Amino acid sequence: MGKKRNWVWDYAKRKGDKAFCELCDEEENNEYSCVDGTMGSLIRYLNIKHNINQPGKLTSRRSRYVNYL
């Protein structure tokens, strides 16, 4: 059985050990490390900047707090 595709790749593209948010303009600093397949920084970015979470998960406390302000 093959690996399951991660949901973050619906919003980003990968080039080598870097991932780029496809929702941001190219001028924005939207480059994230994904060495050895890690995606934590990109997942946090999508959650905080775009309020996008893994399907079935609630928003983070931080994003709820930021949106409240």
PDB file of N, CA and C in Angstrom:
ATOM      1  N   MET A   1       0.848  -1.174   0.000  1.00  0.00           N
ATOM      2  CA  MET A   1       0.000   0.000   0.000  1.00  0.00           C
ATOM      3  C   MET A   1       0.893   1.237   0.000  1.00  0.00           C
ATOM      4  N   GLY A   2       0.589   2.236  -0.846  1.00  0.00           N
ATOM      5  CA  GLY A   2       1.376   3.456  -0.951  1.00  0.00           C
ATOM      6  C   GLY A   2       1.104   4.430   0.182  1.00  0.00           C
ATOM      7  N   LYS A   3       1.976   5.446   0.247  1.00  0.00           N
ATOM      8  CA  LYS A   3       1.796   6.473   1.274  1.00  0.00           C
ATOM      9  C   LYS A   3       0.566   7.320   0.967  1.00  0.00           C
ATOM     10  N   LYS A   4      -0.103   7.738   2.030  1.00  0.00           N
ATOM     11  CA  LYS A   4      -1.264   8.609   1.887  1.00  0.00           C
ATOM     12  C   LYS A   4      -0.771  10.039   1.652  1.00  0.00           C
ATOM     13  N   ARG A   5      -1.362  10.731   0.726  1.00  0.00           N
ATOM     14  CA  ARG A   5      -0.981  12.102   0.411  1.00  0.00           C
ATOM     15  C   ARG A   5      -1.449  13.029   1.533  1.00  0.00           C
ATOM     16  N   ASN A   6      -0.552  13.902   2.012  1.00  0.00           N
ATOM     17  CA  ASN A   6      -0.888  14.808   3.103  1.00  0.00           C
ATOM     18  C   ASN A   6      -1.738  15.959   2.587  1.00  0.00           C
ATOM     19  N   TRP A   7      -2.682  16.401   3.398  1.00  0.00           N
ATOM     20  CA  TRP A   7      -3.612  17.472   3.042  1.00  0.00           C
ATOM     21  C   TRP A   7      -2.912  18.792   2.742  1.00  0.00           C
ATOM     22  N   VAL A   8      -1.731  19.044   3.294  1.00  0.00           N
ATOM     23  CA  VAL A   8      -1.059  20.339   3.065  1.00  0.00           C
ATOM     24  C   VAL A   8      -0.701  20.549   1.603  1.00  0.00           C
ATOM     25  N   TRP A   9      -0.533  19.464   0.857  1.00  0.00           N
ATOM     26  CA  TRP A   9      -0.143  19.609  -0.549  1.00  0.00           C
ATOM     27  C   TRP A   9      -1.300  20.101  -1.423  1.00  0.00           C
ATOM     28  N   ASP A  10      -2.490  20.240  -0.842  1.00  0.00           N
ATOM     29  CA  ASP A  10      -3.588  20.902  -1.547  1.00  0.00           C
ATOM     30  C   ASP A  10      -3.351  22.413  -1.586  1.00  0.00           C
ATOM     31  N   TYR A  11      -2.476  22.914  -0.722  1.00  0.00           N
ATOM     32  CA  TYR A  11      -2.233  24.354  -0.578  1.00  0.00           C
ATOM     33  C   TYR A  11      -0.784  24.752  -0.820  1.00  0.00           C
ATOM     34  N   ALA A  12       0.087  23.796  -1.078  1.00  0.00           N
ATOM     35  CA  ALA A  12       1.505  24.091  -1.238  1.00  0.00           C
ATOM     36  C   ALA A  12       2.114  23.215  -2.316  1.00  0.00           C
ATOM     37  N   LYS A  13       3.267  23.647  -2.797  1.00  0.00           N
ATOM     38  CA  LYS A  13       4.021  22.825  -3.738  1.00  0.00           C
ATOM     39  C   LYS A  13       5.419  22.635  -3.161  1.00  0.00           C
ATOM     40  N   ARG A  14       6.033  21.551  -3.520  1.00  0.00           N
ATOM     41  CA  ARG A  14       7.340  21.210  -2.979  1.00  0.00           C
ATOM     42  C   ARG A  14       8.388  21.251  -4.071  1.00  0.00           C
ATOM     43  N   LYS A  15       9.528  21.835  -3.723  1.00  0.00           N
ATOM     44  CA  LYS A  15      10.706  21.826  -4.595  1.00  0.00           C
ATOM     45  C   LYS A  15      11.894  21.440  -3.737  1.00  0.00           C
ATOM     46  N   GLY A  16      12.334  20.208  -3.864  1.00  0.00           N
ATOM     47  CA  GLY A  16      13.440  19.717  -3.044  1.00  0.00           C
ATOM     48  C   GLY A  16      13.058  19.684  -1.575  1.00  0.00           C
ATOM     49  N   ASP A  17      13.868  20.341  -0.735  1.00  0.00           N
ATOM     50  CA  ASP A  17      13.612  20.389   0.701  1.00  0.00           C
ATOM     51  C   ASP A  17      12.834  21.625   1.113  1.00  0.00           C
ATOM     52  N   LYS A  18      12.193  22.299   0.174  1.00  0.00           N
ATOM     53  CA  LYS A  18      11.417  23.511   0.452  1.00  0.00           C
ATOM     54  C   LYS A  18       9.980  23.321   0.004  1.00  0.00           C
ATOM     55  N   ALA A  19       9.082  23.974   0.730  1.00  0.00           N
ATOM     56  CA  ALA A  19       7.669  23.990   0.349  1.00  0.00           C
ATOM     57  C   ALA A  19       7.246  25.447   0.213  1.00  0.00           C
ATOM     58  N   PHE A  20       6.345  25.729  -0.708  1.00  0.00           N
ATOM     59  CA  PHE A  20       5.888  27.083  -0.983  1.00  0.00           C
ATOM     60  C   PHE A  20       4.374  27.144  -0.928  1.00  0.00           C
ATOM     61  N   CYS A  21       3.853  28.109  -0.180  1.00  0.00           N
ATOM     62  CA  CYS A  21       2.408  28.289  -0.063  1.00  0.00           C
ATOM     63  C   CYS A  21       1.869  28.797  -1.397  1.00  0.00           C
ATOM     64  N   GLU A  22       0.895  28.110  -1.952  1.00  0.00           N
ATOM     65  CA  GLU A  22       0.312  28.521  -3.223  1.00  0.00           C
ATOM     66  C   GLU A  22      -0.789  29.562  -3.054  1.00  0.00           C
ATOM     67  N   LEU A  23      -1.166  29.855  -1.815  1.00  0.00           N
ATOM     68  CA  LEU A  23      -2.193  30.864  -1.554  1.00  0.00           C
ATOM     69  C   LEU A  23      -1.607  32.268  -1.467  1.00  0.00           C
ATOM     70  N   CYS A  24      -0.305  32.371  -1.300  1.00  0.00           N
ATOM     71  CA  CYS A  24       0.365  33.669  -1.138  1.00  0.00           C
ATOM     72  C   CYS A  24       0.946  34.142  -2.466  1.00  0.00           C
ATOM     73  N   ASP A  25       1.141  35.452  -2.556  1.00  0.00           N
ATOM     74  CA  ASP A  25       1.827  36.015  -3.714  1.00  0.00           C
ATOM     75  C   ASP A  25       3.291  35.578  -3.700  1.00  0.00           C
ATOM     76  N   GLU A  26       3.902  35.546  -4.854  1.00  0.00           N
ATOM     77  CA  GLU A  26       5.305  35.150  -4.928  1.00  0.00           C
ATOM     78  C   GLU A  26       6.215  36.127  -4.199  1.00  0.00           C
ATOM     79  N   GLU A  27       5.790  37.384  -4.053  1.00  0.00           N
ATOM     80  CA  GLU A  27       6.598  38.385  -3.370  1.00  0.00           C
ATOM     81  C   GLU A  27       6.666  38.145  -1.860  1.00  0.00           C
ATOM     82  N   GLU A  28       5.661  37.461  -1.316  1.00  0.00           N
ATOM     83  CA  GLU A  28       5.634  37.187   0.115  1.00  0.00           C
ATOM     84  C   GLU A  28       6.662  36.114   0.452  1.00  0.00           C
ATOM     85  N   ASN A  29       7.148  36.162   1.686  1.00  0.00           N
ATOM     86  CA  ASN A  29       8.080  35.135   2.145  1.00  0.00           C
ATOM     87  C   ASN A  29       7.279  33.891   2.479  1.00  0.00           C
ATOM     88  N   ASN A  30       7.125  33.024   1.514  1.00  0.00           N
ATOM     89  CA  ASN A  30       6.275  31.851   1.698  1.00  0.00           C
ATOM     90  C   ASN A  30       7.048  30.551   1.506  1.00  0.00           C
ATOM     91  N   GLU A  31       8.323  30.559   1.892  1.00  0.00           N
ATOM     92  CA  GLU A  31       9.178  29.386   1.737  1.00  0.00           C
ATOM     93  C   GLU A  31       9.337  28.692   3.086  1.00  0.00           C
ATOM     94  N   TYR A  32       9.100  27.385   3.118  1.00  0.00           N
ATOM     95  CA  TYR A  32       9.149  26.620   4.363  1.00  0.00           C
ATOM     96  C   TYR A  32       9.968  25.364   4.166  1.00  0.00           C
ATOM     97  N   SER A  33      10.695  24.996   5.193  1.00  0.00           N
ATOM     98  CA  SER A  33      11.524  23.807   5.152  1.00  0.00           C
ATOM     99  C   SER A  33      10.651  22.569   5.269  1.00  0.00           C
ATOM    100  N   CYS A  34      10.967  21.564   4.473  1.00  0.00           N
ATOM    101  CA  CYS A  34      10.274  20.275   4.606  1.00  0.00           C
ATOM    102  C   CYS A  34      11.298  19.154   4.457  1.00  0.00           C
ATOM    103  N   VAL A  35      12.451  19.332   5.119  1.00  0.00           N
ATOM    104  CA  VAL A  35      13.523  18.349   5.095  1.00  0.00           C
ATOM    105  C   VAL A  35      13.012  17.039   5.681  1.00  0.00           C
ATOM    106  N   ASP A  36      13.336  15.951   5.033  1.00  0.00           N
ATOM    107  CA  ASP A  36      12.909  14.608   5.462  1.00  0.00           C
ATOM    108  C   ASP A  36      11.391  14.479   5.558  1.00  0.00           C
ATOM    109  N   GLY A  37      10.664  15.292   4.829  1.00  0.00           N
ATOM    110  CA  GLY A  37       9.214  15.183   4.789  1.00  0.00           C
ATOM    111  C   GLY A  37       8.471  15.882   5.913  1.00  0.00           C
ATOM    112  N   THR A  38       9.191  16.621   6.784  1.00  0.00           N
ATOM    113  CA  THR A  38       8.519  17.317   7.879  1.00  0.00           C
ATOM    114  C   THR A  38       7.743  18.509   7.327  1.00  0.00           C
ATOM    115  N   MET A  39       6.559  18.738   7.874  1.00  0.00           N
ATOM    116  CA  MET A  39       5.708  19.811   7.373  1.00  0.00           C
ATOM    117  C   MET A  39       5.160  20.688   8.485  1.00  0.00           C
ATOM    118  N   GLY A  40       5.708  20.586   9.685  1.00  0.00           N
ATOM    119  CA  GLY A  40       5.183  21.317  10.835  1.00  0.00           C
ATOM    120  C   GLY A  40       5.114  22.810  10.634  1.00  0.00           C
ATOM    121  N   SER A  41       6.170  23.412  10.076  1.00  0.00           N
ATOM    122  CA  SER A  41       6.168  24.868   9.892  1.00  0.00           C
ATOM    123  C   SER A  41       5.109  25.289   8.883  1.00  0.00           C
ATOM    124  N   LEU A  42       4.938  24.516   7.837  1.00  0.00           N
ATOM    125  CA  LEU A  42       3.925  24.827   6.829  1.00  0.00           C
ATOM    126  C   LEU A  42       2.516  24.633   7.400  1.00  0.00           C
ATOM    127  N   ILE A  43       2.313  23.598   8.181  1.00  0.00           N
ATOM    128  CA  ILE A  43       1.008  23.367   8.804  1.00  0.00           C
ATOM    129  C   ILE A  43       0.657  24.516   9.741  1.00  0.00           C
ATOM    130  N   ARG A  44       1.632  24.957  10.573  1.00  0.00           N
ATOM    131  CA  ARG A  44       1.388  26.093  11.475  1.00  0.00           C
ATOM    132  C   ARG A  44       1.093  27.360  10.684  1.00  0.00           C
ATOM    133  N   TYR A  45       1.822  27.583   9.599  1.00  0.00           N
ATOM    134  CA  TYR A  45       1.612  28.763   8.766  1.00  0.00           C
ATOM    135  C   TYR A  45       0.203  28.767   8.170  1.00  0.00           C
ATOM    136  N   LEU A  46      -0.218  27.655   7.608  1.00  0.00           N
ATOM    137  CA  LEU A  46      -1.558  27.572   7.020  1.00  0.00           C
ATOM    138  C   LEU A  46      -2.625  27.829   8.074  1.00  0.00           C
ATOM    139  N   ASN A  47      -2.387  27.319   9.278  1.00  0.00           N
ATOM    140  CA  ASN A  47      -3.348  27.502  10.363  1.00  0.00           C
ATOM    141  C   ASN A  47      -3.414  28.958  10.809  1.00  0.00           C
ATOM    142  N   ILE A  48      -2.291  29.591  11.010  1.00  0.00           N
ATOM    143  CA  ILE A  48      -2.264  30.956  11.548  1.00  0.00           C
ATOM    144  C   ILE A  48      -2.584  31.996  10.478  1.00  0.00           C
ATOM    145  N   LYS A  49      -1.957  31.912   9.333  1.00  0.00           N
ATOM    146  CA  LYS A  49      -2.115  32.935   8.284  1.00  0.00           C
ATOM    147  C   LYS A  49      -3.429  32.784   7.517  1.00  0.00           C
ATOM    148  N   HIS A  50      -3.786  31.558   7.172  1.00  0.00           N
ATOM    149  CA  HIS A  50      -4.946  31.320   6.308  1.00  0.00           C
ATOM    150  C   HIS A  50      -6.114  30.648   7.031  1.00  0.00           C
ATOM    151  N   ASN A  51      -5.946  30.345   8.311  1.00  0.00           N
ATOM    152  CA  ASN A  51      -6.976  29.682   9.112  1.00  0.00           C
ATOM    153  C   ASN A  51      -7.437  28.361   8.467  1.00  0.00           C
ATOM    154  N   ILE A  52      -6.463  27.619   7.951  1.00  0.00           N
ATOM    155  CA  ILE A  52      -6.722  26.327   7.312  1.00  0.00           C
ATOM    156  C   ILE A  52      -6.135  25.245   8.200  1.00  0.00           C
ATOM    157  N   ASN A  53      -6.942  24.245   8.488  1.00  0.00           N
ATOM    158  CA  ASN A  53      -6.537  23.145   9.352  1.00  0.00           C
ATOM    159  C   ASN A  53      -6.742  21.819   8.657  1.00  0.00           C
ATOM    160  N   GLN A  54      -6.125  20.806   9.234  1.00  0.00           N
ATOM    161  CA  GLN A  54      -6.346  19.458   8.750  1.00  0.00           C
ATOM    162  C   GLN A  54      -7.837  19.161   8.851  1.00  0.00           C
ATOM    163  N   PRO A  55      -8.424  18.612   7.812  1.00  0.00           N
ATOM    164  CA  PRO A  55      -9.853  18.285   7.875  1.00  0.00           C
ATOM    165  C   PRO A  55     -10.177  17.469   9.120  1.00  0.00           C
ATOM    166  N   GLY A  56     -11.213  17.890   9.838  1.00  0.00           N
ATOM    167  CA  GLY A  56     -11.628  17.207  11.041  1.00  0.00           C
ATOM    168  C   GLY A  56     -10.994  17.723  12.319  1.00  0.00           C
ATOM    169  N   LYS A  57     -10.066  18.690  12.218  1.00  0.00           N
ATOM    170  CA  LYS A  57      -9.426  19.249  13.405  1.00  0.00           C
ATOM    171  C   LYS A  57      -9.940  20.654  13.658  1.00  0.00           C
ATOM    172  N   LEU A  58      -9.999  21.024  14.923  1.00  0.00           N
ATOM    173  CA  LEU A  58     -10.411  22.373  15.301  1.00  0.00           C
ATOM    174  C   LEU A  58      -9.272  23.347  15.065  1.00  0.00           C
ATOM    175  N   THR A  59      -9.601  24.644  15.016  1.00  0.00           N
ATOM    176  CA  THR A  59      -8.555  25.657  14.875  1.00  0.00           C
ATOM    177  C   THR A  59      -7.704  25.683  16.133  1.00  0.00           C
ATOM    178  N   SER A  60      -6.482  26.141  16.000  1.00  0.00           N
ATOM    179  CA  SER A  60      -5.585  26.219  17.148  1.00  0.00           C
ATOM    180  C   SER A  60      -6.027  27.330  18.091  1.00  0.00           C
ATOM    181  N   ARG A  61      -5.591  27.247  19.328  1.00  0.00           N
ATOM    182  CA  ARG A  61      -5.908  28.296  20.291  1.00  0.00           C
ATOM    183  C   ARG A  61      -5.368  29.633  19.821  1.00  0.00           C
ATOM    184  N   ARG A  62      -4.163  29.639  19.281  1.00  0.00           N
ATOM    185  CA  ARG A  62      -3.556  30.888  18.845  1.00  0.00           C
ATOM    186  C   ARG A  62      -4.362  31.543  17.740  1.00  0.00           C
ATOM    187  N   SER A  63      -4.780  30.793  16.738  1.00  0.00           N
ATOM    188  CA  SER A  63      -5.525  31.401  15.633  1.00  0.00           C
ATOM    189  C   SER A  63      -6.878  31.919  16.118  1.00  0.00           C
ATOM    190  N   ARG A  64      -7.498  31.224  17.080  1.00  0.00           N
ATOM    191  CA  ARG A  64      -8.759  31.727  17.623  1.00  0.00           C
ATOM    192  C   ARG A  64      -8.509  33.016  18.371  1.00  0.00           C
ATOM    193  N   TYR A  65      -7.408  33.106  19.100  1.00  0.00           N
ATOM    194  CA  TYR A  65      -7.071  34.308  19.856  1.00  0.00           C
ATOM    195  C   TYR A  65      -6.782  35.466  18.895  1.00  0.00           C
ATOM    196  N   VAL A  66      -5.990  35.217  17.866  1.00  0.00           N
ATOM    197  CA  VAL A  66      -5.638  36.261  16.900  1.00  0.00           C
ATOM    198  C   VAL A  66      -6.895  36.768  16.205  1.00  0.00           C
ATOM    199  N   ASN A  67      -7.798  35.861  15.830  1.00  0.00           N
ATOM    200  CA  ASN A  67      -9.030  36.267  15.150  1.00  0.00           C
ATOM    201  C   ASN A  67      -9.962  37.037  16.081  1.00  0.00           C
ATOM    202  N   TYR A  68      -9.849  36.795  17.380  1.00  0.00           N
ATOM    203  CA  TYR A  68     -10.689  37.482  18.361  1.00  0.00           C
ATOM    204  C   TYR A  68     -10.292  38.949  18.480  1.00  0.00           C
ATOM    205  N   LEU A  69      -8.980  39.212  18.352  1.00  0.00           N
ATOM    206  CA  LEU A  69      -8.479  40.590  18.478  1.00  0.00           C
ATOM    207  C   LEU A  69      -8.953  41.370  17.317  1.00  0.00           C
TER     208      LEU A  69
END
